[in-house]
Amino acid sequence: VALTVVGTDPAQQALTSERTLQEMHAGHT
């Protein structure tokens, strides 16, 4: 059972573009 976590860390959100965050979440998924 893989628990894929796609919430956004506020610190990471402040340092990373929304597009990059979406790509990271898509990659983990």
mmCIF file of all heavy atoms, coordinates in Angstrom:
data_MODEL
# 
_entry.id   MODEL 
# 
loop_
_atom_site.group_PDB 
_atom_site.id 
_atom_site.type_symbol 
_atom_site.label_atom_id 
_atom_site.label_alt_id 
_atom_site.label_comp_id 
_atom_site.label_asym_id 
_atom_site.label_entity_id 
_atom_site.label_seq_id 
_atom_site.pdbx_PDB_ins_code 
_atom_site.Cartn_x 
_atom_site.Cartn_y 
_atom_site.Cartn_z 
_atom_site.occupancy 
_atom_site.B_iso_or_equiv 
_atom_site.pdbx_formal_charge 
_atom_site.auth_seq_id 
_atom_site.auth_comp_id 
_atom_site.auth_asym_id 
_atom_site.auth_atom_id 
_atom_site.pdbx_PDB_model_num 
ATOM 1   N N   . VAL A 1 1  ? 0.877  -1.165 0.000   1.00 0.00 ? 1  VAL A N   1 
ATOM 2   C CA  . VAL A 1 1  ? 0.000  0.000  0.000   1.00 0.00 ? 1  VAL A CA  1 
ATOM 3   C C   . VAL A 1 1  ? 0.915  1.214  0.000   1.00 0.00 ? 1  VAL A C   1 
ATOM 4   O O   . VAL A 1 1  ? 1.694  1.418  0.927   1.00 0.00 ? 1  VAL A O   1 
ATOM 5   C CB  . VAL A 1 1  ? -0.942 0.037  1.225   1.00 0.00 ? 1  VAL A CB  1 
ATOM 6   C CG1 . VAL A 1 1  ? -1.723 1.348  1.259   1.00 0.00 ? 1  VAL A CG1 1 
ATOM 7   C CG2 . VAL A 1 1  ? -1.901 -1.151 1.212   1.00 0.00 ? 1  VAL A CG2 1 
ATOM 8   N N   . ALA A 1 2  ? 0.827  1.992  -1.059  1.00 0.00 ? 2  ALA A N   1 
ATOM 9   C CA  . ALA A 1 2  ? 1.640  3.208  -1.172  1.00 0.00 ? 2  ALA A CA  1 
ATOM 10  C C   . ALA A 1 2  ? 0.794  4.398  -0.757  1.00 0.00 ? 2  ALA A C   1 
ATOM 11  O O   . ALA A 1 2  ? -0.280 4.626  -1.314  1.00 0.00 ? 2  ALA A O   1 
ATOM 12  C CB  . ALA A 1 2  ? 2.127  3.380  -2.608  1.00 0.00 ? 2  ALA A CB  1 
ATOM 13  N N   . LEU A 1 3  ? 1.255  5.118  0.235   1.00 0.00 ? 3  LEU A N   1 
ATOM 14  C CA  . LEU A 1 3  ? 0.597  6.352  0.651   1.00 0.00 ? 3  LEU A CA  1 
ATOM 15  C C   . LEU A 1 3  ? 1.281  7.506  -0.074  1.00 0.00 ? 3  LEU A C   1 
ATOM 16  O O   . LEU A 1 3  ? 2.381  7.909  0.282   1.00 0.00 ? 3  LEU A O   1 
ATOM 17  C CB  . LEU A 1 3  ? 0.693  6.532  2.167   1.00 0.00 ? 3  LEU A CB  1 
ATOM 18  C CG  . LEU A 1 3  ? 0.052  5.432  3.008   1.00 0.00 ? 3  LEU A CG  1 
ATOM 19  C CD1 . LEU A 1 3  ? 0.272  5.698  4.493   1.00 0.00 ? 3  LEU A CD1 1 
ATOM 20  C CD2 . LEU A 1 3  ? -1.428 5.296  2.697   1.00 0.00 ? 3  LEU A CD2 1 
ATOM 21  N N   . THR A 1 4  ? 0.629  7.990  -1.106  1.00 0.00 ? 4  THR A N   1 
ATOM 22  C CA  . THR A 1 4  ? 1.174  9.069  -1.913  1.00 0.00 ? 4  THR A CA  1 
ATOM 23  C C   . THR A 1 4  ? 0.702  10.388 -1.324  1.00 0.00 ? 4  THR A C   1 
ATOM 24  O O   . THR A 1 4  ? -0.487 10.689 -1.335  1.00 0.00 ? 4  THR A O   1 
ATOM 25  C CB  . THR A 1 4  ? 0.705  8.946  -3.374  1.00 0.00 ? 4  THR A CB  1 
ATOM 26  O OG1 . THR A 1 4  ? 1.085  7.662  -3.864  1.00 0.00 ? 4  THR A OG1 1 
ATOM 27  C CG2 . THR A 1 4  ? 1.317  10.028 -4.242  1.00 0.00 ? 4  THR A CG2 1 
ATOM 28  N N   . VAL A 1 5  ? 1.638  11.153 -0.794  1.00 0.00 ? 5  VAL A N   1 
ATOM 29  C CA  . VAL A 1 5  ? 1.315  12.407 -0.115  1.00 0.00 ? 5  VAL A CA  1 
ATOM 30  C C   . VAL A 1 5  ? 1.517  13.556 -1.101  1.00 0.00 ? 5  VAL A C   1 
ATOM 31  O O   . VAL A 1 5  ? 2.602  13.738 -1.637  1.00 0.00 ? 5  VAL A O   1 
ATOM 32  C CB  . VAL A 1 5  ? 2.210  12.582 1.131   1.00 0.00 ? 5  VAL A CB  1 
ATOM 33  C CG1 . VAL A 1 5  ? 1.897  13.880 1.838   1.00 0.00 ? 5  VAL A CG1 1 
ATOM 34  C CG2 . VAL A 1 5  ? 2.017  11.397 2.075   1.00 0.00 ? 5  VAL A CG2 1 
ATOM 35  N N   . VAL A 1 6  ? 0.451  14.324 -1.316  1.00 0.00 ? 6  VAL A N   1 
ATOM 36  C CA  . VAL A 1 6  ? 0.528  15.415 -2.291  1.00 0.00 ? 6  VAL A CA  1 
ATOM 37  C C   . VAL A 1 6  ? 0.145  16.765 -1.699  1.00 0.00 ? 6  VAL A C   1 
ATOM 38  O O   . VAL A 1 6  ? -0.132 17.710 -2.427  1.00 0.00 ? 6  VAL A O   1 
ATOM 39  C CB  . VAL A 1 6  ? -0.324 15.113 -3.555  1.00 0.00 ? 6  VAL A CB  1 
ATOM 40  C CG1 . VAL A 1 6  ? 0.239  13.919 -4.300  1.00 0.00 ? 6  VAL A CG1 1 
ATOM 41  C CG2 . VAL A 1 6  ? -1.782 14.906 -3.202  1.00 0.00 ? 6  VAL A CG2 1 
ATOM 42  N N   . GLY A 1 7  ? 0.181  16.866 -0.381  1.00 0.00 ? 7  GLY A N   1 
ATOM 43  C CA  . GLY A 1 7  ? -0.033 18.161 0.250   1.00 0.00 ? 7  GLY A CA  1 
ATOM 44  C C   . GLY A 1 7  ? 1.180  19.051 0.011   1.00 0.00 ? 7  GLY A C   1 
ATOM 45  O O   . GLY A 1 7  ? 2.261  18.573 -0.316  1.00 0.00 ? 7  GLY A O   1 
ATOM 46  N N   . THR A 1 8  ? 1.000  20.344 0.172   1.00 0.00 ? 8  THR A N   1 
ATOM 47  C CA  . THR A 1 8  ? 2.087  21.288 -0.096  1.00 0.00 ? 8  THR A CA  1 
ATOM 48  C C   . THR A 1 8  ? 2.629  21.867 1.203   1.00 0.00 ? 8  THR A C   1 
ATOM 49  O O   . THR A 1 8  ? 1.885  22.432 1.999   1.00 0.00 ? 8  THR A O   1 
ATOM 50  C CB  . THR A 1 8  ? 1.603  22.423 -1.013  1.00 0.00 ? 8  THR A CB  1 
ATOM 51  O OG1 . THR A 1 8  ? 1.112  21.838 -2.224  1.00 0.00 ? 8  THR A OG1 1 
ATOM 52  C CG2 . THR A 1 8  ? 2.729  23.378 -1.343  1.00 0.00 ? 8  THR A CG2 1 
ATOM 53  N N   . ASP A 1 9  ? 3.917  21.722 1.383   1.00 0.00 ? 9  ASP A N   1 
ATOM 54  C CA  . ASP A 1 9  ? 4.623  22.280 2.526   1.00 0.00 ? 9  ASP A CA  1 
ATOM 55  C C   . ASP A 1 9  ? 4.709  23.798 2.329   1.00 0.00 ? 9  ASP A C   1 
ATOM 56  O O   . ASP A 1 9  ? 5.205  24.255 1.298   1.00 0.00 ? 9  ASP A O   1 
ATOM 57  C CB  . ASP A 1 9  ? 6.012  21.658 2.580   1.00 0.00 ? 9  ASP A CB  1 
ATOM 58  C CG  . ASP A 1 9  ? 6.846  22.141 3.744   1.00 0.00 ? 9  ASP A CG  1 
ATOM 59  O OD1 . ASP A 1 9  ? 6.531  23.203 4.327   1.00 0.00 ? 9  ASP A OD1 1 
ATOM 60  O OD2 . ASP A 1 9  ? 7.832  21.467 4.066   1.00 0.00 ? 9  ASP A OD2 1 
ATOM 61  N N   . PRO A 1 10 ? 4.223  24.596 3.292   1.00 0.00 ? 10 PRO A N   1 
ATOM 62  C CA  . PRO A 1 10 ? 4.266  26.054 3.131   1.00 0.00 ? 10 PRO A CA  1 
ATOM 63  C C   . PRO A 1 10 ? 5.665  26.602 2.849   1.00 0.00 ? 10 PRO A C   1 
ATOM 64  O O   . PRO A 1 10 ? 5.824  27.515 2.043   1.00 0.00 ? 10 PRO A O   1 
ATOM 65  C CB  . PRO A 1 10 ? 3.723  26.580 4.452   1.00 0.00 ? 10 PRO A CB  1 
ATOM 66  C CG  . PRO A 1 10 ? 2.912  25.465 5.014   1.00 0.00 ? 10 PRO A CG  1 
ATOM 67  C CD  . PRO A 1 10 ? 3.578  24.210 4.539   1.00 0.00 ? 10 PRO A CD  1 
ATOM 68  N N   . ALA A 1 11 ? 6.688  26.045 3.486   1.00 0.00 ? 11 ALA A N   1 
ATOM 69  C CA  . ALA A 1 11 ? 8.054  26.517 3.247   1.00 0.00 ? 11 ALA A CA  1 
ATOM 70  C C   . ALA A 1 11 ? 8.475  26.213 1.814   1.00 0.00 ? 11 ALA A C   1 
ATOM 71  O O   . ALA A 1 11 ? 9.083  27.045 1.139   1.00 0.00 ? 11 ALA A O   1 
ATOM 72  C CB  . ALA A 1 11 ? 9.015  25.865 4.227   1.00 0.00 ? 11 ALA A CB  1 
ATOM 73  N N   . GLN A 1 12 ? 8.128  25.023 1.353   1.00 0.00 ? 12 GLN A N   1 
ATOM 74  C CA  . GLN A 1 12 ? 8.461  24.649 -0.018  1.00 0.00 ? 12 GLN A CA  1 
ATOM 75  C C   . GLN A 1 12 ? 7.683  25.497 -1.019  1.00 0.00 ? 12 GLN A C   1 
ATOM 76  O O   . GLN A 1 12 ? 8.211  25.908 -2.044  1.00 0.00 ? 12 GLN A O   1 
ATOM 77  C CB  . GLN A 1 12 ? 8.156  23.164 -0.225  1.00 0.00 ? 12 GLN A CB  1 
ATOM 78  C CG  . GLN A 1 12 ? 8.722  22.587 -1.484  1.00 0.00 ? 12 GLN A CG  1 
ATOM 79  C CD  . GLN A 1 12 ? 8.469  21.093 -1.556  1.00 0.00 ? 12 GLN A CD  1 
ATOM 80  O OE1 . GLN A 1 12 ? 7.422  20.607 -1.142  1.00 0.00 ? 12 GLN A OE1 1 
ATOM 81  N NE2 . GLN A 1 12 ? 9.425  20.365 -2.088  1.00 0.00 ? 12 GLN A NE2 1 
ATOM 82  N N   . GLN A 1 13 ? 6.447  25.801 -0.678  1.00 0.00 ? 13 GLN A N   1 
ATOM 83  C CA  . GLN A 1 13 ? 5.611  26.619 -1.551  1.00 0.00 ? 13 GLN A CA  1 
ATOM 84  C C   . GLN A 1 13 ? 6.191  28.022 -1.711  1.00 0.00 ? 13 GLN A C   1 
ATOM 85  O O   . GLN A 1 13 ? 6.121  28.614 -2.783  1.00 0.00 ? 13 GLN A O   1 
ATOM 86  C CB  . GLN A 1 13 ? 4.190  26.692 -0.984  1.00 0.00 ? 13 GLN A CB  1 
ATOM 87  C CG  . GLN A 1 13 ? 3.190  27.292 -1.932  1.00 0.00 ? 13 GLN A CG  1 
ATOM 88  C CD  . GLN A 1 13 ? 1.774  27.148 -1.389  1.00 0.00 ? 13 GLN A CD  1 
ATOM 89  O OE1 . GLN A 1 13 ? 1.565  27.034 -0.181  1.00 0.00 ? 13 GLN A OE1 1 
ATOM 90  N NE2 . GLN A 1 13 ? 0.810  27.148 -2.276  1.00 0.00 ? 13 GLN A NE2 1 
ATOM 91  N N   . ALA A 1 14 ? 6.787  28.534 -0.645  1.00 0.00 ? 14 ALA A N   1 
ATOM 92  C CA  . ALA A 1 14 ? 7.369  29.876 -0.698  1.00 0.00 ? 14 ALA A CA  1 
ATOM 93  C C   . ALA A 1 14 ? 8.616  29.923 -1.585  1.00 0.00 ? 14 ALA A C   1 
ATOM 94  O O   . ALA A 1 14 ? 8.949  30.974 -2.131  1.00 0.00 ? 14 ALA A O   1 
ATOM 95  C CB  . ALA A 1 14 ? 7.722  30.344 0.708   1.00 0.00 ? 14 ALA A CB  1 
ATOM 96  N N   . LEU A 1 15 ? 9.281  28.785 -1.735  1.00 0.00 ? 15 LEU A N   1 
ATOM 97  C CA  . LEU A 1 15 ? 10.540 28.752 -2.476  1.00 0.00 ? 15 LEU A CA  1 
ATOM 98  C C   . LEU A 1 15 ? 10.428 28.139 -3.873  1.00 0.00 ? 15 LEU A C   1 
ATOM 99  O O   . LEU A 1 15 ? 11.407 28.157 -4.620  1.00 0.00 ? 15 LEU A O   1 
ATOM 100 C CB  . LEU A 1 15 ? 11.578 27.950 -1.678  1.00 0.00 ? 15 LEU A CB  1 
ATOM 101 C CG  . LEU A 1 15 ? 11.905 28.496 -0.290  1.00 0.00 ? 15 LEU A CG  1 
ATOM 102 C CD1 . LEU A 1 15 ? 12.778 27.510 0.468   1.00 0.00 ? 15 LEU A CD1 1 
ATOM 103 C CD2 . LEU A 1 15 ? 12.583 29.847 -0.412  1.00 0.00 ? 15 LEU A CD2 1 
ATOM 104 N N   . THR A 1 16 ? 9.257  27.600 -4.197  1.00 0.00 ? 16 THR A N   1 
ATOM 105 C CA  . THR A 1 16 ? 9.105  26.849 -5.442  1.00 0.00 ? 16 THR A CA  1 
ATOM 106 C C   . THR A 1 16 ? 7.889  27.338 -6.204  1.00 0.00 ? 16 THR A C   1 
ATOM 107 O O   . THR A 1 16 ? 6.867  27.660 -5.601  1.00 0.00 ? 16 THR A O   1 
ATOM 108 C CB  . THR A 1 16 ? 8.942  25.344 -5.126  1.00 0.00 ? 16 THR A CB  1 
ATOM 109 O OG1 . THR A 1 16 ? 9.982  24.945 -4.232  1.00 0.00 ? 16 THR A OG1 1 
ATOM 110 C CG2 . THR A 1 16 ? 9.012  24.486 -6.365  1.00 0.00 ? 16 THR A CG2 1 
ATOM 111 N N   . SER A 1 17 ? 7.986  27.355 -7.514  1.00 0.00 ? 17 SER A N   1 
ATOM 112 C CA  . SER A 1 17 ? 6.844  27.796 -8.321  1.00 0.00 ? 17 SER A CA  1 
ATOM 113 C C   . SER A 1 17 ? 5.717  26.769 -8.244  1.00 0.00 ? 17 SER A C   1 
ATOM 114 O O   . SER A 1 17 ? 5.948  25.584 -7.987  1.00 0.00 ? 17 SER A O   1 
ATOM 115 C CB  . SER A 1 17 ? 7.257  27.991 -9.782  1.00 0.00 ? 17 SER A CB  1 
ATOM 116 O OG  . SER A 1 17 ? 7.459  26.743 -10.405 1.00 0.00 ? 17 SER A OG  1 
ATOM 117 N N   . GLU A 1 18 ? 4.517  27.222 -8.482  1.00 0.00 ? 18 GLU A N   1 
ATOM 118 C CA  . GLU A 1 18 ? 3.347  26.338 -8.467  1.00 0.00 ? 18 GLU A CA  1 
ATOM 119 C C   . GLU A 1 18 ? 3.502  25.233 -9.511  1.00 0.00 ? 18 GLU A C   1 
ATOM 120 O O   . GLU A 1 18 ? 3.158  24.085 -9.263  1.00 0.00 ? 18 GLU A O   1 
ATOM 121 C CB  . GLU A 1 18 ? 2.069  27.145 -8.726  1.00 0.00 ? 18 GLU A CB  1 
ATOM 122 C CG  . GLU A 1 18 ? 0.800  26.333 -8.615  1.00 0.00 ? 18 GLU A CG  1 
ATOM 123 C CD  . GLU A 1 18 ? 0.562  25.731 -7.233  1.00 0.00 ? 18 GLU A CD  1 
ATOM 124 O OE1 . GLU A 1 18 ? 0.974  26.328 -6.226  1.00 0.00 ? 18 GLU A OE1 1 
ATOM 125 O OE2 . GLU A 1 18 ? -0.043 24.641 -7.150  1.00 0.00 ? 18 GLU A OE2 1 
ATOM 126 N N   . ARG A 1 19 ? 4.021  25.590 -10.665 1.00 0.00 ? 19 ARG A N   1 
ATOM 127 C CA  . ARG A 1 19 ? 4.208  24.593 -11.723 1.00 0.00 ? 19 ARG A CA  1 
ATOM 128 C C   . ARG A 1 19 ? 5.174  23.497 -11.272 1.00 0.00 ? 19 ARG A C   1 
ATOM 129 O O   . ARG A 1 19 ? 4.927  22.310 -11.486 1.00 0.00 ? 19 ARG A O   1 
ATOM 130 C CB  . ARG A 1 19 ? 4.731  25.265 -12.985 1.00 0.00 ? 19 ARG A CB  1 
ATOM 131 C CG  . ARG A 1 19 ? 4.972  24.292 -14.115 1.00 0.00 ? 19 ARG A CG  1 
ATOM 132 C CD  . ARG A 1 19 ? 5.427  24.979 -15.365 1.00 0.00 ? 19 ARG A CD  1 
ATOM 133 N NE  . ARG A 1 19 ? 5.653  23.987 -16.392 1.00 0.00 ? 19 ARG A NE  1 
ATOM 134 C CZ  . ARG A 1 19 ? 6.460  24.152 -17.388 1.00 0.00 ? 19 ARG A CZ  1 
ATOM 135 N NH1 . ARG A 1 19 ? 7.118  25.286 -17.538 1.00 0.00 ? 19 ARG A NH1 1 
ATOM 136 N NH2 . ARG A 1 19 ? 6.618  23.207 -18.280 1.00 0.00 ? 19 ARG A NH2 1 
ATOM 137 N N   . THR A 1 20 ? 6.281  23.893 -10.646 1.00 0.00 ? 20 THR A N   1 
ATOM 138 C CA  . THR A 1 20 ? 7.256  22.916 -10.167 1.00 0.00 ? 20 THR A CA  1 
ATOM 139 C C   . THR A 1 20 ? 6.646  22.025 -9.098  1.00 0.00 ? 20 THR A C   1 
ATOM 140 O O   . THR A 1 20 ? 6.860  20.804 -9.106  1.00 0.00 ? 20 THR A O   1 
ATOM 141 C CB  . THR A 1 20 ? 8.513  23.624 -9.626  1.00 0.00 ? 20 THR A CB  1 
ATOM 142 O OG1 . THR A 1 20 ? 9.093  24.386 -10.689 1.00 0.00 ? 20 THR A OG1 1 
ATOM 143 C CG2 . THR A 1 20 ? 9.531  22.635 -9.087  1.00 0.00 ? 20 THR A CG2 1 
ATOM 144 N N   . LEU A 1 21 ? 5.866  22.593 -8.195  1.00 0.00 ? 21 LEU A N   1 
ATOM 145 C CA  . LEU A 1 21 ? 5.203  21.791 -7.166  1.00 0.00 ? 21 LEU A CA  1 
ATOM 146 C C   . LEU A 1 21 ? 4.254  20.782 -7.794  1.00 0.00 ? 21 LEU A C   1 
ATOM 147 O O   . LEU A 1 21 ? 4.218  19.612 -7.390  1.00 0.00 ? 21 LEU A O   1 
ATOM 148 C CB  . LEU A 1 21 ? 4.444  22.695 -6.193  1.00 0.00 ? 21 LEU A CB  1 
ATOM 149 C CG  . LEU A 1 21 ? 5.308  23.503 -5.228  1.00 0.00 ? 21 LEU A CG  1 
ATOM 150 C CD1 . LEU A 1 21 ? 4.444  24.503 -4.460  1.00 0.00 ? 21 LEU A CD1 1 
ATOM 151 C CD2 . LEU A 1 21 ? 6.058  22.594 -4.281  1.00 0.00 ? 21 LEU A CD2 1 
ATOM 152 N N   . GLN A 1 22 ? 3.494  21.209 -8.784  1.00 0.00 ? 22 GLN A N   1 
ATOM 153 C CA  . GLN A 1 22 ? 2.580  20.292 -9.465  1.00 0.00 ? 22 GLN A CA  1 
ATOM 154 C C   . GLN A 1 22 ? 3.337  19.163 -10.156 1.00 0.00 ? 22 GLN A C   1 
ATOM 155 O O   . GLN A 1 22 ? 2.922  18.010 -10.113 1.00 0.00 ? 22 GLN A O   1 
ATOM 156 C CB  . GLN A 1 22 ? 1.712  21.054 -10.468 1.00 0.00 ? 22 GLN A CB  1 
ATOM 157 C CG  . GLN A 1 22 ? 0.684  21.944 -9.822  1.00 0.00 ? 22 GLN A CG  1 
ATOM 158 C CD  . GLN A 1 22 ? -0.066 22.802 -10.842 1.00 0.00 ? 22 GLN A CD  1 
ATOM 159 O OE1 . GLN A 1 22 ? 0.189  22.763 -12.032 1.00 0.00 ? 22 GLN A OE1 1 
ATOM 160 N NE2 . GLN A 1 22 ? -1.019 23.585 -10.337 1.00 0.00 ? 22 GLN A NE2 1 
ATOM 161 N N   . GLU A 1 23 ? 4.451  19.510 -10.776 1.00 0.00 ? 23 GLU A N   1 
ATOM 162 C CA  . GLU A 1 23 ? 5.262  18.487 -11.441 1.00 0.00 ? 23 GLU A CA  1 
ATOM 163 C C   . GLU A 1 23 ? 5.848  17.504 -10.431 1.00 0.00 ? 23 GLU A C   1 
ATOM 164 O O   . GLU A 1 23 ? 5.915  16.295 -10.692 1.00 0.00 ? 23 GLU A O   1 
ATOM 165 C CB  . GLU A 1 23 ? 6.380  19.142 -12.252 1.00 0.00 ? 23 GLU A CB  1 
ATOM 166 C CG  . GLU A 1 23 ? 5.882  19.870 -13.482 1.00 0.00 ? 23 GLU A CG  1 
ATOM 167 C CD  . GLU A 1 23 ? 6.953  20.684 -14.181 1.00 0.00 ? 23 GLU A CD  1 
ATOM 168 O OE1 . GLU A 1 23 ? 8.095  20.797 -13.653 1.00 0.00 ? 23 GLU A OE1 1 
ATOM 169 O OE2 . GLU A 1 23 ? 6.659  21.223 -15.260 1.00 0.00 ? 23 GLU A OE2 1 
ATOM 170 N N   . MET A 1 24 ? 6.258  18.005 -9.268  1.00 0.00 ? 24 MET A N   1 
ATOM 171 C CA  . MET A 1 24 ? 6.784  17.131 -8.223  1.00 0.00 ? 24 MET A CA  1 
ATOM 172 C C   . MET A 1 24 ? 5.707  16.180 -7.723  1.00 0.00 ? 24 MET A C   1 
ATOM 173 O O   . MET A 1 24 ? 5.948  14.977 -7.571  1.00 0.00 ? 24 MET A O   1 
ATOM 174 C CB  . MET A 1 24 ? 7.338  17.962 -7.062  1.00 0.00 ? 24 MET A CB  1 
ATOM 175 C CG  . MET A 1 24 ? 8.621  18.688 -7.405  1.00 0.00 ? 24 MET A CG  1 
ATOM 176 S SD  . MET A 1 24 ? 9.154  19.898 -6.157  1.00 0.00 ? 24 MET A SD  1 
ATOM 177 C CE  . MET A 1 24 ? 9.070  18.990 -4.642  1.00 0.00 ? 24 MET A CE  1 
ATOM 178 N N   . HIS A 1 25 ? 4.513  16.685 -7.494  1.00 0.00 ? 25 HIS A N   1 
ATOM 179 C CA  . HIS A 1 25 ? 3.409  15.849 -7.011  1.00 0.00 ? 25 HIS A CA  1 
ATOM 180 C C   . HIS A 1 25 ? 3.037  14.808 -8.070  1.00 0.00 ? 25 HIS A C   1 
ATOM 181 O O   . HIS A 1 25 ? 2.788  13.642 -7.744  1.00 0.00 ? 25 HIS A O   1 
ATOM 182 C CB  . HIS A 1 25 ? 2.199  16.710 -6.659  1.00 0.00 ? 25 HIS A CB  1 
ATOM 183 C CG  . HIS A 1 25 ? 2.420  17.556 -5.440  1.00 0.00 ? 25 HIS A CG  1 
ATOM 184 N ND1 . HIS A 1 25 ? 1.556  17.593 -4.372  1.00 0.00 ? 25 HIS A ND1 1 
ATOM 185 C CD2 . HIS A 1 25 ? 3.417  18.396 -5.110  1.00 0.00 ? 25 HIS A CD2 1 
ATOM 186 C CE1 . HIS A 1 25 ? 2.022  18.412 -3.449  1.00 0.00 ? 25 HIS A CE1 1 
ATOM 187 N NE2 . HIS A 1 25 ? 3.137  18.915 -3.888  1.00 0.00 ? 25 HIS A NE2 1 
ATOM 188 N N   . ALA A 1 26 ? 2.999  15.240 -9.327  1.00 0.00 ? 26 ALA A N   1 
ATOM 189 C CA  . ALA A 1 26 ? 2.687  14.311 -10.414 1.00 0.00 ? 26 ALA A CA  1 
ATOM 190 C C   . ALA A 1 26 ? 3.757  13.225 -10.503 1.00 0.00 ? 26 ALA A C   1 
ATOM 191 O O   . ALA A 1 26 ? 3.444  12.044 -10.721 1.00 0.00 ? 26 ALA A O   1 
ATOM 192 C CB  . ALA A 1 26 ? 2.563  15.062 -11.729 1.00 0.00 ? 26 ALA A CB  1 
ATOM 193 N N   . GLY A 1 27 ? 5.006  13.605 -10.322 1.00 0.00 ? 27 GLY A N   1 
ATOM 194 C CA  . GLY A 1 27 ? 6.102  12.635 -10.350 1.00 0.00 ? 27 GLY A CA  1 
ATOM 195 C C   . GLY A 1 27 ? 6.003  11.623 -9.226  1.00 0.00 ? 27 GLY A C   1 
ATOM 196 O O   . GLY A 1 27 ? 6.170  10.420 -9.443  1.00 0.00 ? 27 GLY A O   1 
ATOM 197 N N   . HIS A 1 28 ? 5.701  12.094 -8.013  1.00 0.00 ? 28 HIS A N   1 
ATOM 198 C CA  . HIS A 1 28 ? 5.527  11.172 -6.881  1.00 0.00 ? 28 HIS A CA  1 
ATOM 199 C C   . HIS A 1 28 ? 4.347  10.238 -7.129  1.00 0.00 ? 28 HIS A C   1 
ATOM 200 O O   . HIS A 1 28 ? 4.422  9.040  -6.831  1.00 0.00 ? 28 HIS A O   1 
ATOM 201 C CB  . HIS A 1 28 ? 5.294  11.951 -5.574  1.00 0.00 ? 28 HIS A CB  1 
ATOM 202 C CG  . HIS A 1 28 ? 6.507  12.608 -5.040  1.00 0.00 ? 28 HIS A CG  1 
ATOM 203 N ND1 . HIS A 1 28 ? 6.559  13.937 -4.735  1.00 0.00 ? 28 HIS A ND1 1 
ATOM 204 C CD2 . HIS A 1 28 ? 7.734  12.120 -4.760  1.00 0.00 ? 28 HIS A CD2 1 
ATOM 205 C CE1 . HIS A 1 28 ? 7.756  14.241 -4.281  1.00 0.00 ? 28 HIS A CE1 1 
ATOM 206 N NE2 . HIS A 1 28 ? 8.498  13.158 -4.299  1.00 0.00 ? 28 HIS A NE2 1 
ATOM 207 N N   . THR A 1 29 ? 3.273  10.784 -7.664  1.00 0.00 ? 29 THR A N   1 
ATOM 208 C CA  . THR A 1 29 ? 2.087  9.972  -7.935  1.00 0.00 ? 29 THR A CA  1 
ATOM 209 C C   . THR A 1 29 ? 2.404  8.895  -8.963  1.00 0.00 ? 29 THR A C   1 
ATOM 210 O O   . THR A 1 29 ? 2.034  7.727  -8.787  1.00 0.00 ? 29 THR A O   1 
ATOM 211 C CB  . THR A 1 29 ? 0.928  10.877 -8.406  1.00 0.00 ? 29 THR A CB  1 
ATOM 212 O OG1 . THR A 1 29 ? 0.663  11.848 -7.382  1.00 0.00 ? 29 THR A OG1 1 
ATOM 213 C CG2 . THR A 1 29 ? -0.329 10.079 -8.671  1.00 0.00 ? 29 THR A CG2 1 
# 
